[in-house]
């Protein structure tokens, strides 16, 4: 439902009929307000890699994240398993799981899959968004589905998404045609750091063109 809630917010800004919003849009839409709240955060890159998320969402789709972190994360990286289970073994100096910095609504005894849980309000998750904004790369594994909502968030945070496969960079055929810049997990060691600025600028332009209602002429208001 998160995609529908965001689509409704985008429609409200232009007084469009929110009943036409859907949880399965051809291309995900986000409101200018939401985008600007993230854009106003500090984007000075002080972290190289970042992952803040649940490692129990789908173990098969997220298993690679642990091995990647062990191999590539440094003292300038941030890793947090928001589940923070008692059995969790800290991966290294970059692993802040035990400090419980990444809040998870699913660990809240009052959790229900409602708007608050699905929308991820920026002001309620400042540490999450601020850390991603300050990271060069954000790991975006699949979760309950092959695609990751974090992929959209990484684009808004002006960070380069790292994914397992190209098929995890889109939900629909329409989104698969958007030429996002991303890095595959197995090719990170070959990546040219000098391309980062251009990659980020291109991703920002693509996001504003396709995912923000007021800037796009390409999206059908079905």
N, C-alpha and C. Protein backbone atom coordinates (compact mmCIF):
# COMPACT_ATOMS: atom_id res chain seq x y z
N UNK A 1 0.81 -1.22 0.00
CA UNK A 1 0.00 0.00 0.00
C UNK A 1 0.85 1.27 0.00
N UNK A 2 2.15 1.15 0.29
CA UNK A 2 2.99 2.33 0.34
C UNK A 2 2.97 3.12 -0.96
N UNK A 3 3.00 2.43 -2.08
CA UNK A 3 2.98 3.11 -3.39
C UNK A 3 1.67 3.87 -3.59
N UNK A 4 0.58 3.29 -3.13
CA UNK A 4 -0.72 3.97 -3.26
C UNK A 4 -0.76 5.21 -2.37
N UNK A 5 -0.26 5.11 -1.15
CA UNK A 5 -0.25 6.27 -0.25
C UNK A 5 0.57 7.41 -0.85
N UNK A 6 1.71 7.08 -1.44
CA UNK A 6 2.54 8.12 -2.05
C UNK A 6 1.85 8.71 -3.28
N UNK A 7 1.20 7.88 -4.04
CA UNK A 7 0.49 8.36 -5.22
C UNK A 7 -0.64 9.29 -4.82
N UNK A 8 -1.35 8.95 -3.75
CA UNK A 8 -2.42 9.81 -3.24
C UNK A 8 -1.88 11.18 -2.84
N UNK A 9 -0.73 11.18 -2.16
CA UNK A 9 -0.12 12.45 -1.75
C UNK A 9 0.24 13.30 -2.96
N UNK A 10 0.77 12.65 -3.99
CA UNK A 10 1.13 13.37 -5.21
C UNK A 10 -0.11 13.95 -5.89
N UNK A 11 -1.18 13.19 -5.90
CA UNK A 11 -2.44 13.66 -6.52
C UNK A 11 -3.04 14.82 -5.74
N UNK A 12 -2.95 14.75 -4.40
CA UNK A 12 -3.53 15.80 -3.56
C UNK A 12 -2.89 17.16 -3.86
N UNK A 13 -1.60 17.16 -4.14
CA UNK A 13 -0.91 18.42 -4.41
C UNK A 13 -1.47 19.14 -5.63
N UNK A 14 -2.12 18.40 -6.52
CA UNK A 14 -2.67 19.00 -7.74
C UNK A 14 -4.17 18.84 -7.83
N UNK A 15 -4.77 18.56 -6.66
CA UNK A 15 -6.24 18.44 -6.57
C UNK A 15 -6.79 17.43 -7.56
N UNK A 16 -6.07 16.36 -7.77
CA UNK A 16 -6.53 15.28 -8.63
C UNK A 16 -7.32 14.27 -7.81
N UNK A 17 -8.09 13.45 -8.46
CA UNK A 17 -8.95 12.47 -7.82
C UNK A 17 -8.10 11.34 -7.24
N UNK A 18 -7.99 11.30 -5.88
CA UNK A 18 -7.14 10.29 -5.26
C UNK A 18 -7.72 8.88 -5.37
N UNK A 19 -8.98 8.77 -5.74
CA UNK A 19 -9.57 7.45 -5.91
C UNK A 19 -8.93 6.71 -7.09
N UNK A 20 -8.23 7.45 -7.93
CA UNK A 20 -7.56 6.84 -9.08
C UNK A 20 -6.17 6.33 -8.71
N UNK A 21 -5.74 6.63 -7.49
CA UNK A 21 -4.43 6.13 -7.05
C UNK A 21 -4.52 4.62 -6.85
N UNK A 22 -3.42 3.94 -7.13
CA UNK A 22 -3.41 2.48 -7.06
C UNK A 22 -2.14 1.99 -6.37
N UNK A 23 -2.20 0.81 -5.82
CA UNK A 23 -1.03 0.22 -5.19
C UNK A 23 -0.11 -0.43 -6.23
N UNK A 24 -0.56 -0.43 -7.50
CA UNK A 24 0.24 -1.01 -8.57
C UNK A 24 0.35 -0.03 -9.74
N UNK A 25 0.90 1.16 -9.50
CA UNK A 25 1.04 2.13 -10.59
C UNK A 25 2.06 1.66 -11.62
N UNK A 26 1.87 2.07 -12.87
CA UNK A 26 2.84 1.72 -13.90
C UNK A 26 4.21 2.28 -13.55
N UNK A 27 4.22 3.52 -13.02
CA UNK A 27 5.44 4.16 -12.54
C UNK A 27 5.13 4.79 -11.19
N UNK A 28 5.96 4.53 -10.19
CA UNK A 28 5.72 5.05 -8.85
C UNK A 28 5.76 6.57 -8.86
N UNK A 29 4.85 7.19 -8.11
CA UNK A 29 4.78 8.65 -8.01
C UNK A 29 4.99 9.09 -6.57
N UNK A 30 5.70 10.21 -6.40
CA UNK A 30 5.95 10.77 -5.08
C UNK A 30 5.63 12.26 -5.09
N UNK A 31 5.18 12.76 -3.96
CA UNK A 31 4.81 14.17 -3.88
C UNK A 31 6.04 15.06 -3.83
N UNK A 32 5.85 16.30 -4.26
CA UNK A 32 6.93 17.28 -4.19
C UNK A 32 7.33 17.51 -2.74
N UNK A 33 6.35 17.52 -1.83
CA UNK A 33 6.62 17.74 -0.40
C UNK A 33 7.55 16.66 0.14
N UNK A 34 7.26 15.41 -0.16
CA UNK A 34 8.06 14.29 0.34
C UNK A 34 9.48 14.37 -0.22
N UNK A 35 9.57 14.60 -1.50
CA UNK A 35 10.87 14.70 -2.17
C UNK A 35 11.69 15.84 -1.58
N UNK A 36 11.05 16.97 -1.34
CA UNK A 36 11.76 18.14 -0.81
C UNK A 36 12.23 17.92 0.62
N UNK A 37 11.45 17.18 1.41
CA UNK A 37 11.87 16.89 2.79
C UNK A 37 13.18 16.12 2.80
N UNK A 38 13.33 15.19 1.87
CA UNK A 38 14.58 14.43 1.77
C UNK A 38 15.68 15.30 1.18
N UNK A 39 15.32 16.10 0.20
CA UNK A 39 16.30 16.95 -0.48
C UNK A 39 16.90 17.99 0.46
N UNK A 40 16.17 18.37 1.51
CA UNK A 40 16.64 19.40 2.44
C UNK A 40 17.60 18.84 3.50
N UNK A 41 17.79 17.53 3.53
CA UNK A 41 18.72 16.92 4.48
C UNK A 41 20.16 17.12 4.00
N UNK A 42 21.11 16.84 4.87
CA UNK A 42 22.53 16.99 4.55
C UNK A 42 22.95 15.87 3.59
N UNK A 43 23.46 16.25 2.42
CA UNK A 43 23.87 15.26 1.42
C UNK A 43 25.39 15.16 1.26
N UNK A 44 26.14 15.72 2.20
CA UNK A 44 27.59 15.58 2.14
C UNK A 44 27.95 14.12 2.40
N UNK A 45 28.63 13.49 1.46
CA UNK A 45 28.89 12.06 1.54
C UNK A 45 30.05 11.75 2.48
N UNK A 46 29.73 11.23 3.65
CA UNK A 46 30.77 10.84 4.61
C UNK A 46 30.83 9.33 4.82
N UNK A 47 29.84 8.61 4.27
CA UNK A 47 29.83 7.15 4.33
C UNK A 47 30.06 6.60 2.93
N UNK A 48 30.75 5.47 2.83
CA UNK A 48 30.89 4.84 1.52
C UNK A 48 29.69 3.94 1.23
N UNK A 49 29.42 2.97 2.13
CA UNK A 49 28.31 2.05 1.94
C UNK A 49 27.32 2.15 3.10
N UNK A 50 26.07 1.83 2.79
CA UNK A 50 25.03 1.89 3.83
C UNK A 50 23.99 0.82 3.59
N UNK A 51 23.58 0.16 4.67
CA UNK A 51 22.38 -0.68 4.66
C UNK A 51 21.71 -0.56 6.01
N UNK A 52 20.47 -0.09 6.01
CA UNK A 52 19.66 -0.03 7.22
C UNK A 52 18.34 -0.70 6.88
N UNK A 53 18.12 -1.89 7.39
CA UNK A 53 16.90 -2.61 7.04
C UNK A 53 16.78 -3.91 7.79
N UNK A 54 15.72 -4.62 7.48
CA UNK A 54 15.44 -5.89 8.13
C UNK A 54 16.13 -7.03 7.39
N UNK A 55 16.84 -7.85 8.13
CA UNK A 55 17.47 -9.02 7.53
C UNK A 55 16.57 -10.25 7.59
N UNK A 56 15.38 -10.09 8.15
CA UNK A 56 14.46 -11.23 8.22
C UNK A 56 13.31 -11.09 7.23
N UNK A 57 13.30 -10.00 6.45
CA UNK A 57 12.20 -9.80 5.49
C UNK A 57 12.12 -10.95 4.50
N UNK A 58 13.22 -11.28 3.88
CA UNK A 58 13.30 -12.44 3.00
C UNK A 58 14.77 -12.86 2.95
N UNK A 59 15.09 -13.89 3.69
CA UNK A 59 16.49 -14.27 3.86
C UNK A 59 17.15 -14.65 2.54
N UNK A 60 16.42 -15.28 1.64
CA UNK A 60 17.00 -15.67 0.37
C UNK A 60 17.40 -14.46 -0.46
N UNK A 61 16.53 -13.45 -0.50
CA UNK A 61 16.82 -12.27 -1.31
C UNK A 61 17.85 -11.36 -0.66
N UNK A 62 18.05 -11.49 0.64
CA UNK A 62 18.94 -10.56 1.34
C UNK A 62 20.22 -11.21 1.85
N UNK A 63 20.39 -12.49 1.57
CA UNK A 63 21.57 -13.20 2.07
C UNK A 63 22.87 -12.55 1.58
N UNK A 64 22.86 -12.04 0.35
CA UNK A 64 24.07 -11.46 -0.23
C UNK A 64 24.55 -10.21 0.51
N UNK A 65 23.62 -9.54 1.20
CA UNK A 65 23.96 -8.29 1.88
C UNK A 65 25.03 -8.52 2.95
N UNK A 66 24.91 -9.61 3.69
CA UNK A 66 25.87 -9.89 4.76
C UNK A 66 27.25 -10.15 4.19
N UNK A 67 27.34 -10.98 3.15
CA UNK A 67 28.63 -11.28 2.56
C UNK A 67 29.25 -10.05 1.92
N UNK A 68 28.41 -9.22 1.31
CA UNK A 68 28.91 -7.99 0.70
C UNK A 68 29.48 -7.07 1.78
N UNK A 69 28.76 -6.93 2.88
CA UNK A 69 29.21 -6.07 3.97
C UNK A 69 30.55 -6.55 4.53
N UNK A 70 30.68 -7.84 4.74
CA UNK A 70 31.92 -8.39 5.28
C UNK A 70 33.10 -8.12 4.35
N UNK A 71 32.83 -8.10 3.05
CA UNK A 71 33.91 -7.96 2.07
C UNK A 71 34.26 -6.50 1.79
N UNK A 72 33.24 -5.61 1.74
CA UNK A 72 33.48 -4.26 1.25
C UNK A 72 33.26 -3.14 2.27
N UNK A 73 32.45 -3.38 3.30
CA UNK A 73 32.19 -2.29 4.25
C UNK A 73 33.45 -1.94 5.02
N UNK A 74 33.57 -0.65 5.37
CA UNK A 74 34.75 -0.14 6.07
C UNK A 74 34.31 0.60 7.34
N UNK A 75 35.26 1.24 7.99
CA UNK A 75 34.94 2.03 9.18
C UNK A 75 34.05 3.22 8.83
N UNK A 76 33.99 3.57 7.55
CA UNK A 76 33.14 4.68 7.11
C UNK A 76 31.78 4.22 6.62
N UNK A 77 31.49 2.94 6.78
CA UNK A 77 30.21 2.38 6.35
C UNK A 77 29.23 2.30 7.52
N UNK A 78 27.96 2.09 7.18
CA UNK A 78 26.91 1.92 8.20
C UNK A 78 26.07 0.70 7.85
N UNK A 79 26.03 -0.25 8.76
CA UNK A 79 25.18 -1.44 8.60
C UNK A 79 24.32 -1.57 9.85
N UNK A 80 23.02 -1.70 9.65
CA UNK A 80 22.10 -1.90 10.78
C UNK A 80 21.01 -2.89 10.38
N UNK A 81 20.91 -3.98 11.12
CA UNK A 81 19.77 -4.88 10.99
C UNK A 81 18.73 -4.39 11.99
N UNK A 82 17.67 -3.78 11.50
CA UNK A 82 16.70 -3.15 12.41
C UNK A 82 15.94 -4.17 13.24
N UNK A 83 16.02 -5.45 12.88
CA UNK A 83 15.36 -6.48 13.69
C UNK A 83 16.05 -6.62 15.05
N UNK A 84 17.38 -6.44 15.06
CA UNK A 84 18.17 -6.45 16.29
C UNK A 84 17.83 -7.64 17.19
N UNK A 85 17.85 -8.81 16.61
CA UNK A 85 17.54 -10.02 17.39
C UNK A 85 18.70 -10.35 18.34
N UNK A 86 18.39 -11.05 19.40
CA UNK A 86 19.41 -11.40 20.40
C UNK A 86 20.51 -12.26 19.79
N UNK A 87 20.19 -13.02 18.76
CA UNK A 87 21.16 -13.93 18.16
C UNK A 87 22.06 -13.26 17.13
N UNK A 88 21.80 -11.98 16.85
CA UNK A 88 22.59 -11.30 15.80
C UNK A 88 24.05 -11.19 16.20
N UNK A 89 24.95 -11.59 15.31
CA UNK A 89 26.39 -11.48 15.54
C UNK A 89 26.92 -10.28 14.76
N UNK A 90 27.51 -9.34 15.49
CA UNK A 90 28.01 -8.11 14.88
C UNK A 90 29.03 -8.44 13.79
N UNK A 91 28.88 -7.80 12.61
CA UNK A 91 29.70 -8.13 11.44
C UNK A 91 31.05 -7.44 11.43
N UNK A 92 31.16 -6.31 12.14
CA UNK A 92 32.41 -5.57 12.14
C UNK A 92 32.21 -4.19 12.75
N UNK A 93 33.23 -3.35 12.66
CA UNK A 93 33.15 -2.02 13.28
C UNK A 93 32.10 -1.13 12.63
N UNK A 94 31.65 -1.50 11.45
CA UNK A 94 30.64 -0.75 10.71
C UNK A 94 29.22 -1.15 11.10
N UNK A 95 29.09 -2.20 11.91
CA UNK A 95 27.77 -2.75 12.26
C UNK A 95 27.27 -2.11 13.55
N UNK A 96 26.22 -1.28 13.41
CA UNK A 96 25.66 -0.56 14.56
C UNK A 96 24.33 -1.17 15.02
N UNK A 97 24.11 -2.42 14.67
CA UNK A 97 22.84 -3.07 14.98
C UNK A 97 22.51 -3.00 16.47
N UNK A 98 23.46 -3.31 17.33
CA UNK A 98 23.21 -3.38 18.76
C UNK A 98 22.96 -2.02 19.40
N UNK A 99 23.23 -0.95 18.65
CA UNK A 99 22.95 0.39 19.18
C UNK A 99 21.52 0.82 18.91
N UNK A 100 20.79 -0.04 18.20
CA UNK A 100 19.36 0.18 17.95
C UNK A 100 19.08 1.57 17.36
N UNK A 101 19.89 1.96 16.40
CA UNK A 101 19.71 3.27 15.77
C UNK A 101 18.64 3.26 14.68
N UNK A 102 18.45 2.12 14.10
CA UNK A 102 17.47 2.02 13.01
C UNK A 102 16.15 1.50 13.52
N UNK A 103 15.19 2.36 13.72
CA UNK A 103 13.89 1.97 14.29
C UNK A 103 13.08 1.16 13.29
N UNK A 104 12.48 0.11 13.74
CA UNK A 104 11.64 -0.73 12.90
C UNK A 104 10.23 -0.76 13.46
N UNK A 105 9.28 -0.31 12.67
CA UNK A 105 7.88 -0.35 13.11
C UNK A 105 7.41 -1.77 13.37
N UNK A 106 8.01 -2.73 12.67
CA UNK A 106 7.59 -4.11 12.84
C UNK A 106 7.94 -4.66 14.22
N UNK A 107 8.87 -3.96 14.91
CA UNK A 107 9.22 -4.36 16.28
C UNK A 107 8.37 -3.64 17.31
N UNK A 108 7.48 -2.78 16.83
CA UNK A 108 6.58 -2.04 17.70
C UNK A 108 5.39 -2.93 18.05
N UNK A 109 5.10 -3.07 19.32
CA UNK A 109 3.99 -3.95 19.74
C UNK A 109 2.66 -3.48 19.20
N UNK A 110 2.58 -2.21 18.84
CA UNK A 110 1.34 -1.65 18.30
C UNK A 110 1.33 -1.62 16.77
N UNK A 111 2.30 -2.33 16.16
CA UNK A 111 2.43 -2.28 14.70
C UNK A 111 1.22 -2.86 13.99
N UNK A 112 0.77 -2.13 12.99
CA UNK A 112 -0.22 -2.63 12.03
C UNK A 112 0.21 -2.12 10.67
N UNK A 113 -0.05 -2.86 9.59
CA UNK A 113 0.38 -2.43 8.26
C UNK A 113 -0.47 -1.27 7.74
N UNK A 114 -0.37 -0.12 8.42
CA UNK A 114 -1.20 1.03 8.08
C UNK A 114 -0.38 2.09 7.35
N UNK A 115 -0.95 3.27 7.20
CA UNK A 115 -0.29 4.35 6.49
C UNK A 115 1.06 4.69 7.11
N UNK A 116 1.11 4.79 8.45
CA UNK A 116 2.35 5.16 9.13
C UNK A 116 3.47 4.16 8.84
N UNK A 117 3.12 2.88 8.79
CA UNK A 117 4.12 1.85 8.56
C UNK A 117 4.56 1.80 7.10
N UNK A 118 3.62 2.01 6.19
CA UNK A 118 3.91 1.85 4.77
C UNK A 118 4.47 3.11 4.12
N UNK A 119 4.15 4.28 4.65
CA UNK A 119 4.54 5.54 4.03
C UNK A 119 5.97 5.94 4.38
N UNK A 120 6.46 5.59 5.52
CA UNK A 120 7.78 5.95 6.05
C UNK A 120 7.97 7.46 6.03
N UNK A 121 7.33 8.10 6.99
CA UNK A 121 7.42 9.55 7.13
C UNK A 121 8.87 9.98 7.36
N UNK A 122 9.31 11.00 6.63
CA UNK A 122 10.71 11.43 6.70
C UNK A 122 11.06 11.92 8.10
N UNK A 123 10.21 12.75 8.69
CA UNK A 123 10.50 13.33 10.00
C UNK A 123 10.53 12.29 11.11
N UNK A 124 9.85 11.17 10.92
CA UNK A 124 9.86 10.10 11.92
C UNK A 124 11.03 9.15 11.70
N UNK A 125 11.73 9.31 10.59
CA UNK A 125 12.83 8.42 10.25
C UNK A 125 14.06 9.21 9.79
N UNK A 126 14.36 10.27 10.52
CA UNK A 126 15.46 11.17 10.15
C UNK A 126 16.79 10.42 10.07
N UNK A 127 17.09 9.58 11.06
CA UNK A 127 18.37 8.87 11.04
C UNK A 127 18.48 8.01 9.78
N UNK A 128 17.42 7.33 9.43
CA UNK A 128 17.39 6.45 8.26
C UNK A 128 17.70 7.24 6.99
N UNK A 129 16.94 8.31 6.77
CA UNK A 129 17.11 9.08 5.54
C UNK A 129 18.40 9.89 5.55
N UNK A 130 18.76 10.46 6.70
CA UNK A 130 19.97 11.27 6.76
C UNK A 130 21.20 10.42 6.46
N UNK A 131 21.24 9.21 7.02
CA UNK A 131 22.39 8.33 6.79
C UNK A 131 22.49 7.94 5.33
N UNK A 132 21.36 7.64 4.69
CA UNK A 132 21.40 7.30 3.27
C UNK A 132 21.83 8.50 2.43
N UNK A 133 21.36 9.70 2.79
CA UNK A 133 21.74 10.90 2.06
C UNK A 133 23.24 11.15 2.15
N UNK A 134 23.86 10.71 3.23
CA UNK A 134 25.28 10.93 3.43
C UNK A 134 26.13 9.74 2.97
N UNK A 135 25.50 8.79 2.25
CA UNK A 135 26.20 7.60 1.78
C UNK A 135 26.34 7.62 0.26
N UNK A 136 27.51 7.21 -0.22
CA UNK A 136 27.72 7.14 -1.67
C UNK A 136 26.89 6.03 -2.28
N UNK A 137 26.86 4.88 -1.60
CA UNK A 137 26.14 3.72 -2.10
C UNK A 137 25.17 3.19 -1.05
N UNK A 138 24.01 2.75 -1.50
CA UNK A 138 23.02 2.16 -0.60
C UNK A 138 22.65 0.78 -1.13
N UNK A 139 22.79 -0.24 -0.31
CA UNK A 139 22.42 -1.59 -0.71
C UNK A 139 20.90 -1.70 -0.77
N UNK A 140 20.39 -2.21 -1.89
CA UNK A 140 18.94 -2.27 -2.11
C UNK A 140 18.52 -3.69 -2.49
N UNK A 141 18.57 -4.62 -1.52
CA UNK A 141 18.15 -5.99 -1.82
C UNK A 141 16.63 -6.08 -1.91
N UNK A 142 16.15 -7.12 -2.56
CA UNK A 142 14.73 -7.37 -2.56
C UNK A 142 14.27 -7.71 -1.16
N UNK A 143 12.98 -7.66 -0.94
CA UNK A 143 12.44 -7.99 0.37
C UNK A 143 11.27 -8.94 0.22
N UNK A 144 10.07 -8.43 0.50
CA UNK A 144 8.88 -9.26 0.31
C UNK A 144 8.62 -9.49 -1.18
N UNK A 145 9.24 -8.66 -2.02
CA UNK A 145 9.14 -8.80 -3.47
C UNK A 145 10.54 -8.66 -4.05
N UNK A 146 10.77 -9.05 -5.31
CA UNK A 146 12.11 -8.91 -5.89
C UNK A 146 12.59 -7.47 -5.93
N UNK A 147 11.69 -6.51 -6.17
CA UNK A 147 12.06 -5.10 -6.19
C UNK A 147 12.08 -4.57 -4.76
N UNK A 148 12.78 -3.45 -4.59
CA UNK A 148 12.93 -2.88 -3.26
C UNK A 148 12.45 -1.44 -3.23
N UNK A 149 11.61 -1.09 -2.25
CA UNK A 149 11.18 0.29 -2.08
C UNK A 149 12.39 1.18 -1.79
N UNK A 150 13.43 0.58 -1.20
CA UNK A 150 14.65 1.32 -0.88
C UNK A 150 15.33 1.84 -2.14
N UNK A 151 15.08 1.22 -3.28
CA UNK A 151 15.66 1.69 -4.53
C UNK A 151 15.18 3.11 -4.83
N UNK A 152 13.87 3.36 -4.67
CA UNK A 152 13.33 4.71 -4.86
C UNK A 152 13.93 5.67 -3.83
N UNK A 153 14.03 5.20 -2.59
CA UNK A 153 14.57 6.06 -1.52
C UNK A 153 16.03 6.42 -1.78
N UNK A 154 16.81 5.47 -2.26
CA UNK A 154 18.21 5.75 -2.57
C UNK A 154 18.31 6.81 -3.66
N UNK A 155 17.43 6.73 -4.66
CA UNK A 155 17.44 7.74 -5.72
C UNK A 155 17.10 9.11 -5.16
N UNK A 156 16.11 9.17 -4.26
CA UNK A 156 15.74 10.45 -3.66
C UNK A 156 16.85 10.98 -2.75
N UNK A 157 17.60 10.08 -2.15
CA UNK A 157 18.69 10.47 -1.26
C UNK A 157 19.97 10.80 -2.03
N UNK A 158 19.89 10.71 -3.35
CA UNK A 158 21.04 10.99 -4.22
C UNK A 158 22.23 10.10 -3.88
N UNK A 159 21.92 8.82 -3.71
CA UNK A 159 22.93 7.79 -3.50
C UNK A 159 22.81 6.77 -4.63
N UNK A 160 23.89 6.06 -4.92
CA UNK A 160 23.88 5.07 -5.97
C UNK A 160 23.38 3.73 -5.40
N UNK A 161 22.30 3.18 -5.95
CA UNK A 161 21.81 1.89 -5.46
C UNK A 161 22.74 0.74 -5.88
N UNK A 162 22.93 -0.21 -4.97
CA UNK A 162 23.62 -1.45 -5.29
C UNK A 162 22.59 -2.57 -5.22
N UNK A 163 22.49 -3.35 -6.28
CA UNK A 163 21.49 -4.40 -6.36
C UNK A 163 22.15 -5.72 -6.77
N UNK A 164 21.42 -6.80 -6.57
CA UNK A 164 21.94 -8.11 -6.93
C UNK A 164 21.87 -8.35 -8.43
N UNK A 165 20.79 -7.88 -9.03
CA UNK A 165 20.56 -8.08 -10.46
C UNK A 165 19.75 -6.93 -11.02
N UNK A 166 19.85 -6.72 -12.32
CA UNK A 166 19.08 -5.66 -12.99
C UNK A 166 17.59 -5.79 -12.71
N UNK A 167 17.12 -7.01 -12.57
CA UNK A 167 15.69 -7.24 -12.36
C UNK A 167 15.18 -6.70 -11.03
N UNK A 168 16.08 -6.27 -10.16
CA UNK A 168 15.68 -5.68 -8.88
C UNK A 168 15.66 -4.16 -8.94
N UNK A 169 15.74 -3.60 -10.15
CA UNK A 169 15.74 -2.14 -10.31
C UNK A 169 14.41 -1.61 -10.82
N UNK A 170 13.43 -2.47 -10.96
CA UNK A 170 12.13 -2.03 -11.47
C UNK A 170 11.02 -2.95 -10.99
N UNK A 171 9.78 -2.42 -11.03
CA UNK A 171 8.61 -3.23 -10.69
C UNK A 171 7.83 -3.62 -11.93
N UNK A 172 7.80 -2.72 -12.91
CA UNK A 172 6.93 -2.88 -14.07
C UNK A 172 7.74 -2.76 -15.36
N UNK A 173 7.10 -3.11 -16.46
CA UNK A 173 7.77 -2.98 -17.76
C UNK A 173 8.10 -1.52 -18.05
N UNK A 174 7.21 -0.61 -17.63
CA UNK A 174 7.43 0.81 -17.86
C UNK A 174 8.67 1.30 -17.10
N UNK A 175 8.80 0.87 -15.85
CA UNK A 175 9.97 1.29 -15.06
C UNK A 175 11.26 0.64 -15.57
N UNK A 176 11.16 -0.52 -16.16
CA UNK A 176 12.36 -1.20 -16.66
C UNK A 176 13.02 -0.42 -17.79
N UNK A 177 12.28 0.50 -18.40
CA UNK A 177 12.81 1.28 -19.52
C UNK A 177 13.51 2.56 -19.06
N UNK A 178 13.40 2.89 -17.76
CA UNK A 178 14.06 4.09 -17.24
C UNK A 178 15.53 3.77 -17.00
N UNK A 179 16.45 4.49 -17.64
CA UNK A 179 17.88 4.13 -17.56
C UNK A 179 18.58 4.63 -16.30
N UNK A 180 18.14 4.12 -15.15
CA UNK A 180 18.78 4.49 -13.90
C UNK A 180 20.25 4.08 -13.90
N UNK A 181 21.05 4.81 -13.15
CA UNK A 181 22.42 4.40 -12.87
C UNK A 181 22.44 3.64 -11.55
N UNK A 182 23.01 2.46 -11.55
CA UNK A 182 23.10 1.62 -10.36
C UNK A 182 24.34 0.76 -10.52
N UNK A 183 24.67 0.00 -9.49
CA UNK A 183 25.83 -0.89 -9.53
C UNK A 183 25.40 -2.28 -9.10
N UNK A 184 25.82 -3.29 -9.87
CA UNK A 184 25.55 -4.67 -9.47
C UNK A 184 26.53 -5.09 -8.38
N UNK A 185 26.07 -5.87 -7.46
CA UNK A 185 26.88 -6.23 -6.30
C UNK A 185 28.20 -6.90 -6.68
N UNK A 186 28.21 -7.65 -7.77
CA UNK A 186 29.42 -8.37 -8.15
C UNK A 186 30.38 -7.55 -9.00
N UNK A 187 30.00 -6.30 -9.31
CA UNK A 187 30.88 -5.48 -10.15
C UNK A 187 31.35 -4.23 -9.42
N UNK A 188 31.08 -4.14 -8.12
CA UNK A 188 31.45 -2.93 -7.37
C UNK A 188 32.95 -2.70 -7.40
N UNK A 189 33.76 -3.78 -7.41
CA UNK A 189 35.21 -3.61 -7.38
C UNK A 189 35.74 -3.03 -8.69
N UNK A 190 34.92 -3.05 -9.75
CA UNK A 190 35.34 -2.52 -11.03
C UNK A 190 34.76 -1.13 -11.30
N UNK A 191 34.00 -0.63 -10.34
CA UNK A 191 33.30 0.63 -10.57
C UNK A 191 34.24 1.82 -10.51
N UNK A 192 34.07 2.77 -11.44
CA UNK A 192 34.90 3.96 -11.50
C UNK A 192 34.29 5.03 -10.61
N UNK A 193 34.96 5.36 -9.52
CA UNK A 193 34.46 6.36 -8.58
C UNK A 193 34.22 7.71 -9.26
N UNK A 194 34.99 8.02 -10.30
CA UNK A 194 34.88 9.32 -10.95
C UNK A 194 33.55 9.50 -11.67
N UNK A 195 32.83 8.42 -11.87
CA UNK A 195 31.54 8.51 -12.54
C UNK A 195 30.41 8.93 -11.60
N UNK A 196 30.70 8.94 -10.30
CA UNK A 196 29.64 9.15 -9.31
C UNK A 196 28.83 10.43 -9.53
N UNK A 197 29.50 11.56 -9.70
CA UNK A 197 28.79 12.83 -9.83
C UNK A 197 27.83 12.82 -11.00
N UNK A 198 28.30 12.36 -12.15
CA UNK A 198 27.44 12.30 -13.32
C UNK A 198 26.30 11.30 -13.14
N UNK A 199 26.61 10.19 -12.50
CA UNK A 199 25.59 9.18 -12.25
C UNK A 199 24.49 9.74 -11.35
N UNK A 200 24.89 10.46 -10.31
CA UNK A 200 23.92 11.04 -9.38
C UNK A 200 23.06 12.09 -10.06
N UNK A 201 23.68 12.94 -10.87
CA UNK A 201 22.94 13.98 -11.57
C UNK A 201 21.93 13.37 -12.54
N UNK A 202 22.35 12.33 -13.24
CA UNK A 202 21.45 11.66 -14.19
C UNK A 202 20.29 11.00 -13.46
N UNK A 203 20.58 10.34 -12.32
CA UNK A 203 19.51 9.70 -11.55
C UNK A 203 18.51 10.72 -11.02
N UNK A 204 19.02 11.86 -10.54
CA UNK A 204 18.14 12.91 -10.04
C UNK A 204 17.22 13.42 -11.15
N UNK A 205 17.78 13.64 -12.30
CA UNK A 205 16.99 14.12 -13.43
C UNK A 205 15.93 13.09 -13.83
N UNK A 206 16.31 11.82 -13.85
CA UNK A 206 15.37 10.76 -14.20
C UNK A 206 14.25 10.66 -13.17
N UNK A 207 14.62 10.74 -11.89
CA UNK A 207 13.61 10.64 -10.84
C UNK A 207 12.61 11.78 -10.95
N UNK A 208 13.10 13.00 -11.12
CA UNK A 208 12.22 14.16 -11.21
C UNK A 208 11.36 14.12 -12.46
N UNK A 209 11.87 13.51 -13.51
CA UNK A 209 11.13 13.43 -14.77
C UNK A 209 10.02 12.39 -14.70
N UNK A 210 10.32 11.23 -14.12
CA UNK A 210 9.37 10.12 -14.16
C UNK A 210 8.55 9.92 -12.89
N UNK A 211 9.08 10.33 -11.74
CA UNK A 211 8.42 9.98 -10.48
C UNK A 211 7.77 11.14 -9.76
N UNK A 212 7.83 12.34 -10.36
CA UNK A 212 7.20 13.49 -9.73
C UNK A 212 6.18 14.08 -10.70
N UNK A 213 4.96 14.11 -10.26
CA UNK A 213 3.84 14.41 -11.14
C UNK A 213 3.94 15.75 -11.84
N UNK A 214 4.40 16.77 -11.14
CA UNK A 214 4.39 18.10 -11.72
C UNK A 214 5.45 18.30 -12.79
N UNK A 215 6.41 17.37 -12.88
CA UNK A 215 7.50 17.54 -13.83
C UNK A 215 7.40 16.62 -15.04
N UNK A 216 6.47 15.72 -15.03
CA UNK A 216 6.45 14.72 -16.10
C UNK A 216 5.28 14.90 -17.05
N UNK A 217 5.54 14.64 -18.29
CA UNK A 217 4.50 14.60 -19.32
C UNK A 217 4.35 13.17 -19.84
N UNK A 218 5.02 12.24 -19.17
CA UNK A 218 5.11 10.88 -19.69
C UNK A 218 4.17 9.91 -19.00
N UNK A 219 3.50 10.36 -17.93
CA UNK A 219 2.72 9.45 -17.12
C UNK A 219 1.24 9.62 -17.36
N UNK A 220 0.56 8.56 -17.64
CA UNK A 220 -0.89 8.61 -17.87
C UNK A 220 -1.61 8.63 -16.54
N UNK A 221 -2.56 9.55 -16.38
CA UNK A 221 -3.32 9.65 -15.12
C UNK A 221 -4.53 8.73 -15.19
N UNK A 222 -4.30 7.44 -15.16
CA UNK A 222 -5.40 6.48 -15.26
C UNK A 222 -6.07 6.33 -13.91
